[in-house]
Amino acid sequence: MKQKSYILLIIIIAQFACTSPWFAGNSIIDELTLKYNFEQEIIGYVISSVQFGFISGTLLFALFMVADRFSPSKVFMVCAILAAFCNLFLVTEYLSKWSLLLARFGTGFFLAGIYPVGMKIAADYYEKGLGKALGFLVGALVLGTAFPFLIKGTSWGHSPNTVIFTTSSLTIIGGILLFLLVPNGPYRKKSILLKLNAGPQLFRTKDFKKAAFGYFGHMWELYAFWAFTPFAIKSYNVLSGNNFSVSLWTGIIITLGSISCGIGGLLSQYLGSKKVAFFALTISGLCCLLSPLAFLFSSPLFLVIWCLWGMAVTMDSPQFSKLVASSISSELKGTGLTLVNSIGFAISIVSIQLLSFLSGIIDPKYIFLVLSLGPIFGLWHLNGNKSD
């Protein structure tokens, strides 16, 4: 038990450190846009480039069963180092629009060897209590996602170079730390044969399909909410005459989601992963539907609603991953988790680009309504999932 606690702590630290480049580009996009005279539309493209890179990486990782055929810790470390170098490219003096998008694509591609592989490593150590373990692990990912905004929201982090150097350094350290201190788990079953059709065959399993579809609904909402929370705060500042720090409050809202992941993991020990996921997805869906009203409320109430939404929108993520992992055999857990992540992030690109398009043609307070389609779809499938 001591070894498991120690191992989980290392995985959590490494997951936090190595996912910090995810939104590093978005946290400094205003400075990059001003410095290089980029068009305003670049904001949506920057985050979508990371997502598209992640999709490409996870598809290849799933197709060649990388996390199941090779040591997950080695895969994690190599991808962490490569993601850090792609992230560092943002501080070069001669950055074009296409080199920026390519660098973000590369960062996303190698994050495919970090996020789902980290969950695979946790699954190799936890046969029981996986929902709690993944709750803390995804919470670390959420905190890593918020970290660039938190840096940017301080006087110390006003320089884009500080954000990039800090997140890249953390990523390298986290990858090496996990490789040195986390050996292959006791429940790991190595896949010796390459089965190119393993991923598609998983969708023939009823429990896997329903858990995956619930996750897809969640992903329609999650990254679009994160990506456009700065836009929401800017819009509220204009409407209300306030001057909230966009970076700081975006960081706080996303960070609260890391706390809710841990809370959800603990609750799953008593209520089960399905009930926790259903509750969280219901709350976030209601926030989507009520979002236009939030812009009409007082400043404290607007922030409370957005913080509550930030907690609900992430709480279900680790529990969906637990439901997916529990529905497949040990030798295909890495492939299954990676495949579901890949499809989920492909869906997130569509919702991000849709909000980017709508933000230019309709009143800002109405664009978040379209995110409710995800929770509705996810709840419909999750309600039919009889396993936990």
Protein backbone atom coordinates (compact mmCIF):
# COMPACT_ATOMS: atom_id res chain seq x y z
CA MET A 1 0.00 0.00 0.00
CA LYS A 2 2.88 2.38 0.78
CA GLN A 3 4.44 1.66 -2.58
CA LYS A 4 1.13 2.35 -4.34
CA SER A 5 0.71 5.69 -2.57
CA TYR A 6 4.28 6.63 -3.42
CA ILE A 7 3.87 5.61 -7.04
CA LEU A 8 0.60 7.49 -7.43
CA LEU A 9 2.19 10.65 -6.01
CA ILE A 10 5.00 10.46 -8.58
CA ILE A 11 2.55 9.90 -11.43
CA ILE A 12 0.44 12.85 -10.26
CA ILE A 13 3.47 15.16 -10.08
CA ALA A 14 4.70 14.02 -13.50
CA GLN A 15 1.23 14.38 -15.05
CA PHE A 16 0.92 17.93 -13.71
CA ALA A 17 4.39 18.92 -14.90
CA CYS A 18 4.15 17.34 -18.33
CA THR A 19 0.72 18.66 -19.26
CA SER A 20 1.61 22.28 -18.42
CA PRO A 21 2.52 23.09 -22.09
CA TRP A 22 -1.04 22.23 -23.21
CA PHE A 23 -2.42 25.78 -22.88
CA ALA A 24 0.94 27.56 -22.72
CA GLY A 25 0.45 28.90 -26.24
CA ASN A 26 -3.05 30.15 -25.52
CA SER A 27 -1.99 31.88 -22.31
CA ILE A 28 0.43 34.11 -24.25
CA ILE A 29 -1.49 34.37 -27.53
CA ASP A 30 -2.35 38.06 -27.01
CA GLU A 31 1.35 38.93 -26.76
CA LEU A 32 2.22 36.78 -29.79
CA THR A 33 -0.61 38.32 -31.80
CA LEU A 34 0.61 41.82 -30.98
CA LYS A 35 4.29 41.03 -31.57
CA TYR A 36 3.87 39.27 -34.91
CA ASN A 37 0.70 41.01 -36.11
CA PHE A 38 -1.32 37.80 -36.28
CA GLU A 39 -5.03 37.87 -37.08
CA GLN A 40 -7.48 37.56 -34.16
CA GLU A 41 -8.75 34.22 -35.55
CA ILE A 42 -5.39 32.69 -34.61
CA ILE A 43 -6.70 32.09 -31.06
CA GLY A 44 -9.06 29.30 -32.13
CA TYR A 45 -6.47 27.83 -34.48
CA VAL A 46 -3.76 27.67 -31.80
CA ILE A 47 -5.77 25.47 -29.42
CA SER A 48 -7.19 23.42 -32.30
CA SER A 49 -3.64 22.75 -33.53
CA VAL A 50 -2.78 21.21 -30.17
CA GLN A 51 -5.95 19.13 -30.27
CA PHE A 52 -5.28 18.02 -33.85
CA GLY A 53 -1.72 17.08 -32.92
CA PHE A 54 -3.03 15.12 -29.95
CA ILE A 55 -5.52 13.31 -32.17
CA SER A 56 -2.85 12.39 -34.70
CA GLY A 57 -0.57 11.15 -31.95
CA THR A 58 -3.20 9.12 -30.16
CA LEU A 59 -4.38 7.52 -33.41
CA LEU A 60 -0.85 6.36 -34.20
CA PHE A 61 -0.23 5.28 -30.61
CA ALA A 62 -3.49 3.32 -30.60
CA LEU A 63 -2.95 1.81 -34.07
CA PHE A 64 0.51 0.51 -33.17
CA MET A 65 -0.49 -0.28 -29.54
CA VAL A 66 2.53 1.67 -28.30
CA ALA A 67 1.51 1.88 -24.61
CA ASP A 68 0.71 -1.85 -24.51
CA ARG A 69 3.78 -3.10 -26.42
CA PHE A 70 6.49 -0.89 -24.88
CA SER A 71 7.33 0.28 -21.36
CA PRO A 72 4.82 3.06 -20.58
CA SER A 73 7.34 4.94 -18.43
CA LYS A 74 9.85 5.09 -21.28
CA VAL A 75 7.16 6.23 -23.72
CA PHE A 76 6.09 8.91 -21.21
CA MET A 77 9.64 10.26 -20.76
CA VAL A 78 10.53 10.39 -24.46
CA CYS A 79 7.26 12.16 -25.32
CA ALA A 80 7.70 14.62 -22.44
CA ILE A 81 11.13 15.69 -23.68
CA LEU A 82 9.93 16.08 -27.27
CA ALA A 83 6.81 18.01 -26.18
CA ALA A 84 9.01 20.39 -24.17
CA PHE A 85 11.19 21.15 -27.19
CA CYS A 86 8.13 21.83 -29.37
CA ASN A 87 6.86 24.18 -26.67
CA LEU A 88 10.20 26.02 -26.56
CA PHE A 89 9.84 26.90 -30.22
CA LEU A 90 7.36 29.63 -29.23
CA VAL A 91 10.18 31.81 -27.87
CA THR A 92 12.09 31.96 -31.16
CA GLU A 93 12.54 35.46 -32.59
CA TYR A 94 11.15 34.68 -36.03
CA LEU A 95 7.78 33.06 -35.52
CA SER A 96 5.32 32.88 -38.40
CA LYS A 97 1.68 31.86 -38.19
CA TRP A 98 2.44 28.46 -39.71
CA SER A 99 5.49 27.77 -37.55
CA LEU A 100 3.40 28.67 -34.48
CA LEU A 101 0.65 26.24 -35.49
CA LEU A 102 3.20 23.54 -36.36
CA ALA A 103 4.90 23.94 -32.97
CA ARG A 104 1.56 23.63 -31.21
CA PHE A 105 0.70 20.60 -33.35
CA GLY A 106 3.96 18.96 -32.28
CA THR A 107 3.25 19.71 -28.63
CA GLY A 108 -0.17 18.07 -28.93
CA PHE A 109 1.26 15.09 -30.82
CA PHE A 110 3.70 14.23 -28.03
CA LEU A 111 1.14 14.94 -25.31
CA ALA A 112 -0.51 11.79 -26.69
CA GLY A 113 2.30 9.90 -24.98
CA ILE A 114 1.68 11.67 -21.68
CA TYR A 115 -2.01 12.01 -20.78
CA PRO A 116 -3.43 8.60 -21.84
CA VAL A 117 -0.15 6.81 -21.07
CA GLY A 118 -0.23 8.28 -17.56
CA MET A 119 -3.72 6.81 -17.10
CA LYS A 120 -2.46 3.50 -18.48
CA ILE A 121 0.36 3.49 -15.89
CA ALA A 122 -2.17 4.16 -13.10
CA ALA A 123 -4.36 1.31 -14.38
CA ASP A 124 -1.30 -0.98 -14.25
CA TYR A 125 -0.98 -0.28 -10.52
CA TYR A 126 -4.63 -0.09 -9.45
CA GLU A 127 -6.99 -2.98 -10.03
CA LYS A 128 -9.28 -1.64 -7.30
CA GLY A 129 -9.77 2.02 -6.51
CA LEU A 130 -8.99 3.05 -10.08
CA GLY A 131 -11.73 5.71 -10.05
CA LYS A 132 -10.05 7.46 -7.10
CA ALA A 133 -6.58 7.13 -8.62
CA LEU A 134 -7.72 8.55 -11.96
CA GLY A 135 -9.56 11.34 -10.14
CA PHE A 136 -6.28 12.57 -8.67
CA LEU A 137 -4.42 11.93 -11.91
CA VAL A 138 -6.80 13.88 -14.14
CA GLY A 139 -6.91 16.55 -11.45
CA ALA A 140 -3.15 16.90 -11.94
CA LEU A 141 -3.70 17.25 -15.69
CA VAL A 142 -6.29 19.98 -15.12
CA LEU A 143 -3.92 21.82 -12.78
CA GLY A 144 -1.19 21.52 -15.40
CA THR A 145 -3.59 23.00 -17.96
CA ALA A 146 -4.32 25.94 -15.66
CA PHE A 147 -0.70 26.51 -14.68
CA PRO A 148 0.33 28.74 -17.64
CA PHE A 149 -2.62 31.04 -16.93
CA LEU A 150 -1.73 31.17 -13.24
CA ILE A 151 1.86 32.10 -14.12
CA LYS A 152 0.64 34.69 -16.59
CA GLY A 153 -1.70 36.20 -14.00
CA THR A 154 1.20 37.12 -11.69
CA SER A 155 3.65 39.99 -12.02
CA TRP A 156 6.45 37.42 -12.31
CA GLY A 157 4.88 35.80 -15.36
CA HIS A 158 4.12 38.82 -17.52
CA SER A 159 6.85 37.83 -19.99
CA PRO A 160 5.80 35.12 -22.49
CA ASN A 161 9.32 33.69 -22.25
CA THR A 162 8.83 33.03 -18.54
CA VAL A 163 5.68 31.02 -19.21
CA ILE A 164 7.31 28.95 -21.95
CA PHE A 165 10.64 28.30 -20.19
CA THR A 166 8.87 27.35 -16.95
CA THR A 167 6.41 24.92 -18.53
CA SER A 168 9.07 23.32 -20.76
CA SER A 169 11.48 22.83 -17.84
CA LEU A 170 8.74 21.26 -15.74
CA THR A 171 7.86 18.91 -18.58
CA ILE A 172 11.41 17.59 -18.94
CA ILE A 173 11.80 17.16 -15.18
CA GLY A 174 8.44 15.39 -14.88
CA GLY A 175 9.21 12.94 -17.68
CA ILE A 176 12.60 11.99 -16.24
CA LEU A 177 11.17 11.72 -12.72
CA LEU A 178 8.49 9.26 -13.78
CA PHE A 179 10.95 7.16 -15.82
CA LEU A 180 13.39 6.86 -12.91
CA LEU A 181 10.89 6.20 -10.12
CA VAL A 182 7.94 4.35 -11.69
CA PRO A 183 8.65 0.84 -13.02
CA ASN A 184 6.11 -1.27 -14.91
CA GLY A 185 3.04 -1.91 -12.75
CA PRO A 186 2.10 -5.31 -11.27
CA TYR A 187 -1.12 -5.53 -13.33
CA ARG A 188 0.52 -4.68 -16.64
CA LYS A 189 0.11 -7.32 -19.33
CA LYS A 190 2.35 -6.69 -22.29
CA SER A 191 0.88 -7.18 -25.76
CA ILE A 192 3.43 -9.01 -27.88
CA LEU A 193 1.48 -9.16 -31.13
CA LEU A 194 0.49 -6.08 -33.11
CA LYS A 195 -3.27 -6.13 -33.75
CA LEU A 196 -4.14 -3.30 -36.11
CA ASN A 197 -7.88 -3.97 -35.74
CA ALA A 198 -7.84 -4.05 -31.92
CA GLY A 199 -9.23 -0.51 -31.53
CA PRO A 200 -12.30 -0.83 -33.78
CA GLN A 201 -13.12 -4.23 -32.26
CA LEU A 202 -13.41 -2.64 -28.82
CA PHE A 203 -16.55 -0.79 -29.93
CA ARG A 204 -18.28 -4.15 -30.28
CA THR A 205 -18.17 -4.37 -26.48
CA LYS A 206 -21.40 -2.86 -25.15
CA ASP A 207 -20.00 -1.37 -21.93
CA PHE A 208 -16.97 0.10 -23.71
CA LYS A 209 -19.15 1.69 -26.39
CA LYS A 210 -21.56 3.31 -23.94
CA ALA A 211 -18.81 4.61 -21.63
CA ALA A 212 -16.92 5.94 -24.65
CA PHE A 213 -20.00 7.71 -26.03
CA GLY A 214 -20.62 9.32 -22.63
CA TYR A 215 -17.02 10.55 -22.69
CA PHE A 216 -17.48 11.96 -26.19
CA GLY A 217 -20.38 14.09 -24.97
CA HIS A 218 -18.21 15.35 -22.13
CA MET A 219 -15.40 16.23 -24.55
CA TRP A 220 -17.71 18.30 -26.77
CA GLU A 221 -18.02 20.67 -23.82
CA LEU A 222 -14.73 20.51 -21.87
CA TYR A 223 -12.01 22.02 -24.05
CA ALA A 224 -14.32 24.52 -25.72
CA PHE A 225 -15.29 25.75 -22.25
CA TRP A 226 -11.63 26.06 -21.24
CA ALA A 227 -10.60 27.69 -24.52
CA PHE A 228 -13.37 30.32 -24.40
CA THR A 229 -13.43 31.09 -20.69
CA PRO A 230 -10.98 34.01 -21.34
CA PHE A 231 -13.40 35.22 -24.03
CA ALA A 232 -16.30 34.99 -21.56
CA ILE A 233 -14.44 37.00 -18.92
CA LYS A 234 -13.40 39.64 -21.47
CA SER A 235 -17.01 39.88 -22.69
CA TYR A 236 -18.34 40.21 -19.15
CA ASN A 237 -15.78 42.96 -18.43
CA VAL A 238 -17.09 44.88 -21.45
CA LEU A 239 -20.75 44.38 -20.53
CA SER A 240 -20.38 45.16 -16.83
CA GLY A 241 -17.55 47.68 -16.85
CA ASN A 242 -15.39 45.46 -14.62
CA ASN A 243 -11.69 44.84 -15.05
CA PHE A 244 -11.18 41.23 -13.93
CA SER A 245 -7.76 39.77 -14.70
CA VAL A 246 -8.52 37.40 -17.59
CA SER A 247 -5.42 35.22 -17.07
CA LEU A 248 -5.74 34.97 -13.30
CA TRP A 249 -9.46 34.14 -13.27
CA THR A 250 -9.10 31.69 -16.15
CA GLY A 251 -6.38 29.95 -14.14
CA ILE A 252 -8.53 29.90 -11.01
CA ILE A 253 -11.58 28.52 -12.84
CA ILE A 254 -9.58 25.72 -14.48
CA THR A 255 -7.69 24.99 -11.25
CA LEU A 256 -10.95 24.44 -9.38
CA GLY A 257 -11.60 21.64 -11.84
CA SER A 258 -8.51 19.85 -10.56
CA ILE A 259 -9.97 19.92 -7.06
CA SER A 260 -13.32 18.58 -8.27
CA CYS A 261 -11.56 15.68 -10.02
CA GLY A 262 -10.07 14.63 -6.70
CA ILE A 263 -13.42 15.04 -4.94
CA GLY A 264 -15.09 12.98 -7.65
CA GLY A 265 -12.45 10.29 -7.27
CA LEU A 266 -13.14 10.05 -3.54
CA LEU A 267 -16.92 10.02 -4.07
CA SER A 268 -16.56 7.23 -6.63
CA GLN A 269 -15.37 4.95 -3.80
CA TYR A 270 -18.83 5.21 -2.25
CA LEU A 271 -21.21 6.10 -5.08
CA GLY A 272 -19.55 4.45 -8.06
CA SER A 273 -18.04 6.10 -11.12
CA LYS A 274 -21.25 6.10 -13.13
CA LYS A 275 -23.23 8.11 -10.56
CA VAL A 276 -20.43 10.66 -10.12
CA ALA A 277 -20.10 11.11 -13.90
CA PHE A 278 -23.88 11.43 -14.31
CA PHE A 279 -24.15 14.07 -11.54
CA ALA A 280 -21.22 16.16 -12.86
CA LEU A 281 -22.40 16.02 -16.46
CA THR A 282 -25.89 17.09 -15.39
CA ILE A 283 -24.56 20.13 -13.51
CA SER A 284 -22.29 21.22 -16.35
CA GLY A 285 -25.13 20.76 -18.83
CA LEU A 286 -27.36 23.03 -16.74
CA CYS A 287 -24.55 25.61 -16.65
CA CYS A 288 -24.45 25.52 -20.45
CA LEU A 289 -28.18 26.19 -20.65
CA LEU A 290 -28.09 28.96 -18.03
CA SER A 291 -24.93 30.63 -19.35
CA PRO A 292 -26.74 33.58 -21.06
CA LEU A 293 -28.24 34.58 -17.69
CA ALA A 294 -24.80 34.59 -16.04
CA PHE A 295 -23.78 37.62 -18.10
CA LEU A 296 -26.73 39.55 -16.63
CA PHE A 297 -25.86 38.81 -12.99
CA SER A 298 -23.68 40.77 -10.57
CA SER A 299 -19.92 40.25 -10.73
CA PRO A 300 -19.65 37.89 -7.73
CA LEU A 301 -22.51 35.73 -9.02
CA PHE A 302 -21.04 35.55 -12.53
CA LEU A 303 -17.74 34.33 -11.10
CA VAL A 304 -19.48 31.83 -8.80
CA ILE A 305 -21.38 30.32 -11.76
CA TRP A 306 -18.26 30.10 -13.90
CA CYS A 307 -16.27 28.55 -11.04
CA LEU A 308 -19.05 26.00 -10.40
CA TRP A 309 -19.07 25.21 -14.11
CA GLY A 310 -15.28 24.85 -14.05
CA MET A 311 -15.62 22.23 -11.31
CA ALA A 312 -18.50 20.29 -12.86
CA VAL A 313 -17.04 20.19 -16.38
CA THR A 314 -14.00 18.19 -15.23
CA MET A 315 -15.31 16.04 -12.39
CA ASP A 316 -16.71 13.41 -14.76
CA SER A 317 -13.59 13.05 -16.92
CA PRO A 318 -11.62 10.57 -14.76
CA GLN A 319 -14.77 8.59 -14.02
CA PHE A 320 -15.47 8.12 -17.73
CA SER A 321 -11.87 6.95 -18.13
CA LYS A 322 -12.40 4.49 -15.29
CA LEU A 323 -15.56 3.14 -16.93
CA VAL A 324 -13.70 2.75 -20.22
CA ALA A 325 -10.67 1.05 -18.60
CA SER A 326 -12.88 -1.32 -16.60
CA SER A 327 -14.73 -2.47 -19.70
CA ILE A 328 -11.70 -3.94 -21.53
CA SER A 329 -9.01 -6.55 -20.92
CA SER A 330 -5.68 -5.61 -19.30
CA GLU A 331 -3.57 -6.09 -22.43
CA LEU A 332 -5.69 -3.55 -24.35
CA LYS A 333 -6.24 -0.88 -21.69
CA GLY A 334 -3.61 1.43 -23.14
CA THR A 335 -5.00 1.07 -26.65
CA GLY A 336 -8.59 1.56 -25.52
CA LEU A 337 -7.86 4.66 -23.43
CA THR A 338 -5.72 6.15 -26.20
CA LEU A 339 -8.35 5.51 -28.87
CA VAL A 340 -11.17 7.04 -26.82
CA ASN A 341 -8.98 10.05 -26.07
CA SER A 342 -8.23 10.46 -29.77
CA ILE A 343 -11.88 10.49 -30.83
CA GLY A 344 -12.85 12.71 -27.90
CA PHE A 345 -10.26 15.32 -28.83
CA ALA A 346 -11.36 15.21 -32.48
CA ILE A 347 -14.84 16.11 -31.25
CA SER A 348 -13.38 18.96 -29.18
CA ILE A 349 -11.89 20.54 -32.33
CA VAL A 350 -15.37 20.76 -33.86
CA SER A 351 -16.86 22.47 -30.78
CA ILE A 352 -13.89 24.86 -30.45
CA GLN A 353 -14.10 25.92 -34.08
CA LEU A 354 -17.88 26.26 -33.83
CA LEU A 355 -17.58 28.61 -30.85
CA SER A 356 -14.83 30.51 -32.65
CA PHE A 357 -17.17 31.01 -35.62
CA LEU A 358 -20.19 31.94 -33.49
CA SER A 359 -18.19 34.41 -31.39
CA GLY A 360 -17.88 36.66 -34.43
CA ILE A 361 -21.52 36.65 -35.51
CA ILE A 362 -23.76 36.45 -32.43
CA ASP A 363 -23.96 38.02 -28.99
CA PRO A 364 -21.12 36.51 -26.86
CA LYS A 365 -23.46 35.50 -24.07
CA TYR A 366 -25.29 33.02 -26.31
CA ILE A 367 -22.37 31.07 -27.80
CA PHE A 368 -22.03 28.70 -24.85
CA LEU A 369 -25.54 27.33 -25.37
CA VAL A 370 -24.29 25.01 -28.13
CA LEU A 371 -22.06 23.23 -25.61
CA SER A 372 -25.20 21.77 -23.98
CA LEU A 373 -25.43 19.31 -26.90
CA GLY A 374 -22.49 17.40 -25.42
CA PRO A 375 -23.90 16.79 -21.92
CA ILE A 376 -27.30 15.86 -23.40
CA PHE A 377 -25.67 13.29 -25.70
CA GLY A 378 -23.42 11.97 -22.92
CA LEU A 379 -26.19 11.66 -20.35
CA TRP A 380 -28.40 9.80 -22.80
CA HIS A 381 -25.71 7.17 -23.37
CA LEU A 382 -24.50 7.05 -19.77
CA ASN A 383 -28.04 6.46 -18.49
CA GLY A 384 -28.16 3.33 -20.61
CA ASN A 385 -24.83 2.04 -19.30
CA LYS A 386 -25.64 -0.61 -16.70
CA SER A 387 -22.03 -1.32 -15.69
CA ASP A 388 -19.88 0.60 -13.20
